[in-house]
Amino acid sequence: YYPFGDARAISIKRRQEQNAAARKWRGLTPIYLGFDDGRFEPTETLIRALYREMLHFQPDLILTFDPKWPKKLAHGDHRK
């Protein structure tokens, strides 16, 4: 996410990077839920989408970001 860049081009580039990284780690395929990078909020819609994925995959472990560190330095999506 870069607020002054071409959002569509950045989105395409970001997905290419994520797909390339996933292929190098056990050939995984990322799942994209369709929320705009850098702009989503912890809404009921987002929470339900994440919950559905957790129910489907039943992960043993979920890694996420610490919402309190680094304070106001982290990407907005990582602080939610």
PDB file of N, CA and C in Angstrom:
ATOM      1  N   TYR A   1       0.845  -1.185   0.000  1.00  0.00           N
ATOM      2  CA  TYR A   1       0.000   0.000   0.000  1.00  0.00           C
ATOM      3  C   TYR A   1       0.873   1.224   0.000  1.00  0.00           C
ATOM      4  N   TYR A   2       0.612   2.099  -0.934  1.00  0.00           N
ATOM      5  CA  TYR A   2       1.306   3.384  -1.008  1.00  0.00           C
ATOM      6  C   TYR A   2       0.261   4.400  -1.446  1.00  0.00           C
ATOM      7  N   PRO A   3      -0.090   5.364  -0.600  1.00  0.00           N
ATOM      8  CA  PRO A   3      -1.230   6.242  -0.877  1.00  0.00           C
ATOM      9  C   PRO A   3      -1.088   7.100  -2.133  1.00  0.00           C
ATOM     10  N   PHE A   4       0.133   7.303  -2.623  1.00  0.00           N
ATOM     11  CA  PHE A   4       0.313   8.157  -3.796  1.00  0.00           C
ATOM     12  C   PHE A   4       0.566   7.355  -5.065  1.00  0.00           C
ATOM     13  N   GLY A   5       0.527   6.052  -4.956  1.00  0.00           N
ATOM     14  CA  GLY A   5       0.792   5.199  -6.104  1.00  0.00           C
ATOM     15  C   GLY A   5      -0.488   4.731  -6.780  1.00  0.00           C
ATOM     16  N   ASP A   6      -0.326   4.018  -7.851  1.00  0.00           N
ATOM     17  CA  ASP A   6      -1.437   3.424  -8.583  1.00  0.00           C
ATOM     18  C   ASP A   6      -1.890   2.184  -7.814  1.00  0.00           C
ATOM     19  N   ALA A   7      -3.036   2.267  -7.145  1.00  0.00           N
ATOM     20  CA  ALA A   7      -3.511   1.195  -6.266  1.00  0.00           C
ATOM     21  C   ALA A   7      -3.645  -0.130  -7.000  1.00  0.00           C
ATOM     22  N   ARG A   8      -4.128  -0.105  -8.227  1.00  0.00           N
ATOM     23  CA  ARG A   8      -4.306  -1.349  -8.991  1.00  0.00           C
ATOM     24  C   ARG A   8      -2.958  -1.988  -9.309  1.00  0.00           C
ATOM     25  N   ALA A   9      -2.006  -1.180  -9.765  1.00  0.00           N
ATOM     26  CA  ALA A   9      -0.672  -1.702 -10.092  1.00  0.00           C
ATOM     27  C   ALA A   9       0.022  -2.242  -8.849  1.00  0.00           C
ATOM     28  N   ILE A  10      -0.130  -1.557  -7.738  1.00  0.00           N
ATOM     29  CA  ILE A  10       0.481  -2.009  -6.483  1.00  0.00           C
ATOM     30  C   ILE A  10      -0.148  -3.324  -6.040  1.00  0.00           C
ATOM     31  N   SER A  11      -1.471  -3.437  -6.197  1.00  0.00           N
ATOM     32  CA  SER A  11      -2.164  -4.668  -5.827  1.00  0.00           C
ATOM     33  C   SER A  11      -1.669  -5.851  -6.654  1.00  0.00           C
ATOM     34  N   ILE A  12      -1.515  -5.639  -7.942  1.00  0.00           N
ATOM     35  CA  ILE A  12      -1.015  -6.707  -8.823  1.00  0.00           C
ATOM     36  C   ILE A  12       0.397  -7.110  -8.419  1.00  0.00           C
ATOM     37  N   LYS A  13       1.244  -6.126  -8.175  1.00  0.00           N
ATOM     38  CA  LYS A  13       2.630  -6.402  -7.773  1.00  0.00           C
ATOM     39  C   LYS A  13       2.667  -7.146  -6.442  1.00  0.00           C
ATOM     40  N   ARG A  14       1.849  -6.713  -5.495  1.00  0.00           N
ATOM     41  CA  ARG A  14       1.812  -7.350  -4.167  1.00  0.00           C
ATOM     42  C   ARG A  14       1.404  -8.818  -4.290  1.00  0.00           C
ATOM     43  N   ARG A  15       0.401  -9.105  -5.096  1.00  0.00           N
ATOM     44  CA  ARG A  15      -0.026 -10.499  -5.277  1.00  0.00           C
ATOM     45  C   ARG A  15       1.055 -11.337  -5.947  1.00  0.00           C
ATOM     46  N   GLN A  16       1.743 -10.751  -6.911  1.00  0.00           N
ATOM     47  CA  GLN A  16       2.833 -11.474  -7.563  1.00  0.00           C
ATOM     48  C   GLN A  16       3.903 -11.837  -6.535  1.00  0.00           C
ATOM     49  N   GLU A  17       4.240 -10.895  -5.676  1.00  0.00           N
ATOM     50  CA  GLU A  17       5.249 -11.149  -4.639  1.00  0.00           C
ATOM     51  C   GLU A  17       4.781 -12.235  -3.678  1.00  0.00           C
ATOM     52  N   GLN A  18       3.520 -12.179  -3.255  1.00  0.00           N
ATOM     53  CA  GLN A  18       2.987 -13.166  -2.315  1.00  0.00           C
ATOM     54  C   GLN A  18       2.926 -14.553  -2.947  1.00  0.00           C
ATOM     55  N   ASN A  19       2.520 -14.610  -4.199  1.00  0.00           N
ATOM     56  CA  ASN A  19       2.467 -15.905  -4.892  1.00  0.00           C
ATOM     57  C   ASN A  19       3.858 -16.499  -5.055  1.00  0.00           C
ATOM     58  N   ALA A  20       4.835 -15.675  -5.389  1.00  0.00           N
ATOM     59  CA  ALA A  20       6.217 -16.154  -5.546  1.00  0.00           C
ATOM     60  C   ALA A  20       6.757 -16.666  -4.215  1.00  0.00           C
ATOM     61  N   ALA A  21       6.503 -15.933  -3.145  1.00  0.00           N
ATOM     62  CA  ALA A  21       6.968 -16.369  -1.819  1.00  0.00           C
ATOM     63  C   ALA A  21       6.307 -17.679  -1.412  1.00  0.00           C
ATOM     64  N   ALA A  22       5.020 -17.815  -1.675  1.00  0.00           N
ATOM     65  CA  ALA A  22       4.295 -19.034  -1.299  1.00  0.00           C
ATOM     66  C   ALA A  22       4.817 -20.253  -2.055  1.00  0.00           C
ATOM     67  N   ARG A  23       5.151 -20.078  -3.321  1.00  0.00           N
ATOM     68  CA  ARG A  23       5.678 -21.204  -4.105  1.00  0.00           C
ATOM     69  C   ARG A  23       7.001 -21.707  -3.539  1.00  0.00           C
ATOM     70  N   LYS A  24       7.778 -20.811  -2.968  1.00  0.00           N
ATOM     71  CA  LYS A  24       9.084 -21.206  -2.414  1.00  0.00           C
ATOM     72  C   LYS A  24       8.951 -21.905  -1.064  1.00  0.00           C
ATOM     73  N   TRP A  25       7.801 -21.772  -0.441  1.00  0.00           N
ATOM     74  CA  TRP A  25       7.601 -22.396   0.877  1.00  0.00           C
ATOM     75  C   TRP A  25       6.530 -23.466   0.760  1.00  0.00           C
ATOM     76  N   ARG A  26       6.965 -24.663   0.398  1.00  0.00           N
ATOM     77  CA  ARG A  26       6.090 -25.838   0.281  1.00  0.00           C
ATOM     78  C   ARG A  26       5.013 -25.715  -0.788  1.00  0.00           C
ATOM     79  N   GLY A  27       5.205 -24.841  -1.745  1.00  0.00           N
ATOM     80  CA  GLY A  27       4.252 -24.745  -2.839  1.00  0.00           C
ATOM     81  C   GLY A  27       2.856 -24.307  -2.435  1.00  0.00           C
ATOM     82  N   LEU A  28       2.746 -23.502  -1.426  1.00  0.00           N
ATOM     83  CA  LEU A  28       1.435 -23.047  -0.960  1.00  0.00           C
ATOM     84  C   LEU A  28       0.813 -22.054  -1.930  1.00  0.00           C
ATOM     85  N   THR A  29      -0.496 -21.925  -1.863  1.00  0.00           N
ATOM     86  CA  THR A  29      -1.223 -20.953  -2.662  1.00  0.00           C
ATOM     87  C   THR A  29      -1.962 -20.009  -1.719  1.00  0.00           C
ATOM     88  N   PRO A  30      -1.659 -18.720  -1.775  1.00  0.00           N
ATOM     89  CA  PRO A  30      -2.355 -17.768  -0.895  1.00  0.00           C
ATOM     90  C   PRO A  30      -3.843 -17.697  -1.209  1.00  0.00           C
ATOM     91  N   ILE A  31      -4.618 -17.346  -0.216  1.00  0.00           N
ATOM     92  CA  ILE A  31      -6.049 -17.123  -0.376  1.00  0.00           C
ATOM     93  C   ILE A  31      -6.279 -15.635  -0.197  1.00  0.00           C
ATOM     94  N   TYR A  32      -6.902 -15.021  -1.182  1.00  0.00           N
ATOM     95  CA  TYR A  32      -7.178 -13.588  -1.126  1.00  0.00           C
ATOM     96  C   TYR A  32      -8.663 -13.389  -0.848  1.00  0.00           C
ATOM     97  N   LEU A  33      -8.962 -12.627   0.170  1.00  0.00           N
ATOM     98  CA  LEU A  33     -10.349 -12.437   0.583  1.00  0.00           C
ATOM     99  C   LEU A  33     -11.011 -11.240  -0.093  1.00  0.00           C
ATOM    100  N   GLY A  34     -10.248 -10.454  -0.848  1.00  0.00           N
ATOM    101  CA  GLY A  34     -10.822  -9.355  -1.612  1.00  0.00           C
ATOM    102  C   GLY A  34     -10.898  -8.020  -0.900  1.00  0.00           C
ATOM    103  N   PHE A  35     -10.252  -7.887   0.239  1.00  0.00           N
ATOM    104  CA  PHE A  35     -10.244  -6.609   0.933  1.00  0.00           C
ATOM    105  C   PHE A  35      -9.077  -5.768   0.417  1.00  0.00           C
ATOM    106  N   ASP A  36      -9.289  -4.462   0.265  1.00  0.00           N
ATOM    107  CA  ASP A  36      -8.243  -3.582  -0.249  1.00  0.00           C
ATOM    108  C   ASP A  36      -7.083  -3.476   0.725  1.00  0.00           C
ATOM    109  N   ASP A  37      -5.872  -3.639   0.198  1.00  0.00           N
ATOM    110  CA  ASP A  37      -4.660  -3.536   0.999  1.00  0.00           C
ATOM    111  C   ASP A  37      -4.521  -2.135   1.571  1.00  0.00           C
ATOM    112  N   GLY A  38      -4.258  -2.065   2.857  1.00  0.00           N
ATOM    113  CA  GLY A  38      -4.016  -0.781   3.502  1.00  0.00           C
ATOM    114  C   GLY A  38      -5.252   0.004   3.860  1.00  0.00           C
ATOM    115  N   ARG A  39      -6.433  -0.530   3.565  1.00  0.00           N
ATOM    116  CA  ARG A  39      -7.633   0.267   3.779  1.00  0.00           C
ATOM    117  C   ARG A  39      -8.741  -0.449   4.554  1.00  0.00           C
ATOM    118  N   PHE A  40      -8.513  -1.680   4.963  1.00  0.00           N
ATOM    119  CA  PHE A  40      -9.639  -2.339   5.625  1.00  0.00           C
ATOM    120  C   PHE A  40      -9.659  -2.059   7.120  1.00  0.00           C
ATOM    121  N   GLU A  41     -10.832  -2.203   7.665  1.00  0.00           N
ATOM    122  CA  GLU A  41     -11.081  -1.984   9.089  1.00  0.00           C
ATOM    123  C   GLU A  41     -11.602  -3.288   9.688  1.00  0.00           C
ATOM    124  N   PRO A  42     -11.500  -3.443  11.006  1.00  0.00           N
ATOM    125  CA  PRO A  42     -11.991  -4.669  11.648  1.00  0.00           C
ATOM    126  C   PRO A  42     -13.522  -4.675  11.720  1.00  0.00           C
ATOM    127  N   THR A  43     -14.153  -4.774  10.580  1.00  0.00           N
ATOM    128  CA  THR A  43     -15.621  -4.777  10.498  1.00  0.00           C
ATOM    129  C   THR A  43     -16.158  -6.186  10.700  1.00  0.00           C
ATOM    130  N   GLU A  44     -17.456  -6.261  10.861  1.00  0.00           N
ATOM    131  CA  GLU A  44     -18.116  -7.564  10.990  1.00  0.00           C
ATOM    132  C   GLU A  44     -17.872  -8.414   9.739  1.00  0.00           C
ATOM    133  N   THR A  45     -17.847  -7.763   8.576  1.00  0.00           N
ATOM    134  CA  THR A  45     -17.609  -8.477   7.317  1.00  0.00           C
ATOM    135  C   THR A  45     -16.229  -9.115   7.301  1.00  0.00           C
ATOM    136  N   LEU A  46     -15.226  -8.370   7.713  1.00  0.00           N
ATOM    137  CA  LEU A  46     -13.862  -8.907   7.758  1.00  0.00           C
ATOM    138  C   LEU A  46     -13.762 -10.030   8.783  1.00  0.00           C
ATOM    139  N   ILE A  47     -14.313  -9.808   9.954  1.00  0.00           N
ATOM    140  CA  ILE A  47     -14.250 -10.814  11.017  1.00  0.00           C
ATOM    141  C   ILE A  47     -14.921 -12.114  10.568  1.00  0.00           C
ATOM    142  N   ARG A  48     -16.064 -12.015   9.916  1.00  0.00           N
ATOM    143  CA  ARG A  48     -16.751 -13.218   9.419  1.00  0.00           C
ATOM    144  C   ARG A  48     -15.931 -13.937   8.344  1.00  0.00           C
ATOM    145  N   ALA A  49     -15.304 -13.166   7.462  1.00  0.00           N
ATOM    146  CA  ALA A  49     -14.484 -13.776   6.412  1.00  0.00           C
ATOM    147  C   ALA A  49     -13.304 -14.530   7.016  1.00  0.00           C
ATOM    148  N   LEU A  50     -12.643 -13.935   7.988  1.00  0.00           N
ATOM    149  CA  LEU A  50     -11.518 -14.608   8.649  1.00  0.00           C
ATOM    150  C   LEU A  50     -11.994 -15.836   9.422  1.00  0.00           C
ATOM    151  N   TYR A  51     -13.117 -15.701  10.092  1.00  0.00           N
ATOM    152  CA  TYR A  51     -13.677 -16.808  10.864  1.00  0.00           C
ATOM    153  C   TYR A  51     -14.005 -18.003   9.964  1.00  0.00           C
ATOM    154  N   ARG A  52     -14.594 -17.725   8.781  1.00  0.00           N
ATOM    155  CA  ARG A  52     -14.906 -18.803   7.827  1.00  0.00           C
ATOM    156  C   ARG A  52     -13.640 -19.542   7.411  1.00  0.00           C
ATOM    157  N   GLU A  53     -12.561 -18.789   7.151  1.00  0.00           N
ATOM    158  CA  GLU A  53     -11.307 -19.423   6.744  1.00  0.00           C
ATOM    159  C   GLU A  53     -10.733 -20.264   7.881  1.00  0.00           C
ATOM    160  N   MET A  54     -10.829 -19.764   9.104  1.00  0.00           N
ATOM    161  CA  MET A  54     -10.326 -20.525  10.251  1.00  0.00           C
ATOM    162  C   MET A  54     -11.126 -21.808  10.448  1.00  0.00           C
ATOM    163  N   LEU A  55     -12.436 -21.732  10.291  1.00  0.00           N
ATOM    164  CA  LEU A  55     -13.258 -22.935  10.406  1.00  0.00           C
ATOM    165  C   LEU A  55     -12.917 -23.936   9.308  1.00  0.00           C
ATOM    166  N   HIS A  56     -12.676 -23.434   8.108  1.00  0.00           N
ATOM    167  CA  HIS A  56     -12.364 -24.305   6.984  1.00  0.00           C
ATOM    168  C   HIS A  56     -11.016 -25.009   7.165  1.00  0.00           C
ATOM    169  N   PHE A  57      -9.997 -24.256   7.524  1.00  0.00           N
ATOM    170  CA  PHE A  57      -8.645 -24.814   7.617  1.00  0.00           C
ATOM    171  C   PHE A  57      -8.291 -25.378   8.984  1.00  0.00           C
ATOM    172  N   GLN A  58      -8.965 -24.938  10.027  1.00  0.00           N
ATOM    173  CA  GLN A  58      -8.714 -25.373  11.401  1.00  0.00           C
ATOM    174  C   GLN A  58      -7.217 -25.382  11.727  1.00  0.00           C
ATOM    175  N   PRO A  59      -6.592 -24.218  11.670  1.00  0.00           N
ATOM    176  CA  PRO A  59      -5.141 -24.162  11.912  1.00  0.00           C
ATOM    177  C   PRO A  59      -4.794 -24.470  13.368  1.00  0.00           C
ATOM    178  N   ASP A  60      -3.615 -25.026  13.560  1.00  0.00           N
ATOM    179  CA  ASP A  60      -3.099 -25.265  14.908  1.00  0.00           C
ATOM    180  C   ASP A  60      -2.476 -24.002  15.487  1.00  0.00           C
ATOM    181  N   LEU A  61      -2.070 -23.107  14.600  1.00  0.00           N
ATOM    182  CA  LEU A  61      -1.367 -21.900  15.023  1.00  0.00           C
ATOM    183  C   LEU A  61      -1.705 -20.765  14.079  1.00  0.00           C
ATOM    184  N   ILE A  62      -1.925 -19.582  14.622  1.00  0.00           N
ATOM    185  CA  ILE A  62      -2.154 -18.387  13.817  1.00  0.00           C
ATOM    186  C   ILE A  62      -1.135 -17.342  14.255  1.00  0.00           C
ATOM    187  N   LEU A  63      -0.347 -16.855  13.313  1.00  0.00           N
ATOM    188  CA  LEU A  63       0.624 -15.802  13.588  1.00  0.00           C
ATOM    189  C   LEU A  63       0.057 -14.486  13.089  1.00  0.00           C
ATOM    190  N   THR A  64       0.183 -13.457  13.886  1.00  0.00           N
ATOM    191  CA  THR A  64      -0.344 -12.157  13.505  1.00  0.00           C
ATOM    192  C   THR A  64       0.585 -11.071  14.034  1.00  0.00           C
ATOM    193  N   PHE A  65       0.175  -9.840  13.933  1.00  0.00           N
ATOM    194  CA  PHE A  65       0.987  -8.709  14.353  1.00  0.00           C
ATOM    195  C   PHE A  65       0.572  -8.237  15.739  1.00  0.00           C
ATOM    196  N   ASP A  66       1.516  -7.712  16.484  1.00  0.00           N
ATOM    197  CA  ASP A  66       1.228  -7.107  17.777  1.00  0.00           C
ATOM    198  C   ASP A  66       0.623  -5.728  17.513  1.00  0.00           C
ATOM    199  N   PRO A  67      -0.625  -5.484  17.923  1.00  0.00           N
ATOM    200  CA  PRO A  67      -1.271  -4.208  17.619  1.00  0.00           C
ATOM    201  C   PRO A  67      -0.688  -3.020  18.376  1.00  0.00           C
ATOM    202  N   LYS A  68       0.135  -3.270  19.374  1.00  0.00           N
ATOM    203  CA  LYS A  68       0.670  -2.184  20.186  1.00  0.00           C
ATOM    204  C   LYS A  68       2.129  -1.846  19.888  1.00  0.00           C
ATOM    205  N   TRP A  69       2.765  -2.607  18.982  1.00  0.00           N
ATOM    206  CA  TRP A  69       4.169  -2.335  18.692  1.00  0.00           C
ATOM    207  C   TRP A  69       4.468  -2.526  17.231  1.00  0.00           C
ATOM    208  N   PRO A  70       5.271  -1.724  16.601  1.00  0.00           N
ATOM    209  CA  PRO A  70       5.679  -0.408  17.117  1.00  0.00           C
ATOM    210  C   PRO A  70       4.519   0.569  16.992  1.00  0.00           C
ATOM    211  N   LYS A  71       4.252   1.261  18.034  1.00  0.00           N
ATOM    212  CA  LYS A  71       3.100   2.149  18.087  1.00  0.00           C
ATOM    213  C   LYS A  71       3.158   3.188  16.966  1.00  0.00           C
ATOM    214  N   LYS A  72       2.105   3.210  16.171  1.00  0.00           N
ATOM    215  CA  LYS A  72       1.911   4.153  15.069  1.00  0.00           C
ATOM    216  C   LYS A  72       2.979   4.096  13.993  1.00  0.00           C
ATOM    217  N   LEU A  73       3.878   3.140  14.057  1.00  0.00           N
ATOM    218  CA  LEU A  73       4.887   3.003  13.009  1.00  0.00           C
ATOM    219  C   LEU A  73       4.519   1.877  12.057  1.00  0.00           C
ATOM    220  N   ALA A  74       3.706   0.964  12.520  1.00  0.00           N
ATOM    221  CA  ALA A  74       3.336  -0.184  11.705  1.00  0.00           C
ATOM    222  C   ALA A  74       2.260   0.198  10.691  1.00  0.00           C
ATOM    223  N   HIS A  75       2.181  -0.575   9.633  1.00  0.00           N
ATOM    224  CA  HIS A  75       1.148  -0.410   8.610  1.00  0.00           C
ATOM    225  C   HIS A  75      -0.211  -0.490   9.277  1.00  0.00           C
ATOM    226  N   GLY A  76      -1.134   0.328   8.859  1.00  0.00           N
ATOM    227  CA  GLY A  76      -2.466   0.381   9.477  1.00  0.00           C
ATOM    228  C   GLY A  76      -3.157  -0.962   9.560  1.00  0.00           C
ATOM    229  N   ASP A  77      -3.008  -1.786   8.524  1.00  0.00           N
ATOM    230  CA  ASP A  77      -3.650  -3.109   8.545  1.00  0.00           C
ATOM    231  C   ASP A  77      -3.079  -3.999   9.638  1.00  0.00           C
ATOM    232  N   HIS A  78      -1.875  -3.722  10.065  1.00  0.00           N
ATOM    233  CA  HIS A  78      -1.217  -4.556  11.070  1.00  0.00           C
ATOM    234  C   HIS A  78      -1.560  -4.111  12.487  1.00  0.00           C
ATOM    235  N   ARG A  79      -2.190  -2.966  12.625  1.00  0.00           N
ATOM    236  CA  ARG A  79      -2.525  -2.457  13.949  1.00  0.00           C
ATOM    237  C   ARG A  79      -3.960  -2.759  14.341  1.00  0.00           C
ATOM    238  N   LYS A  80      -4.733  -3.349  13.479  1.00  0.00           N
ATOM    239  CA  LYS A  80      -6.175  -3.531  13.744  1.00  0.00           C
ATOM    240  C   LYS A  80      -6.433  -4.649  14.704  1.00  0.00           C
TER     241      LYS A  80
END
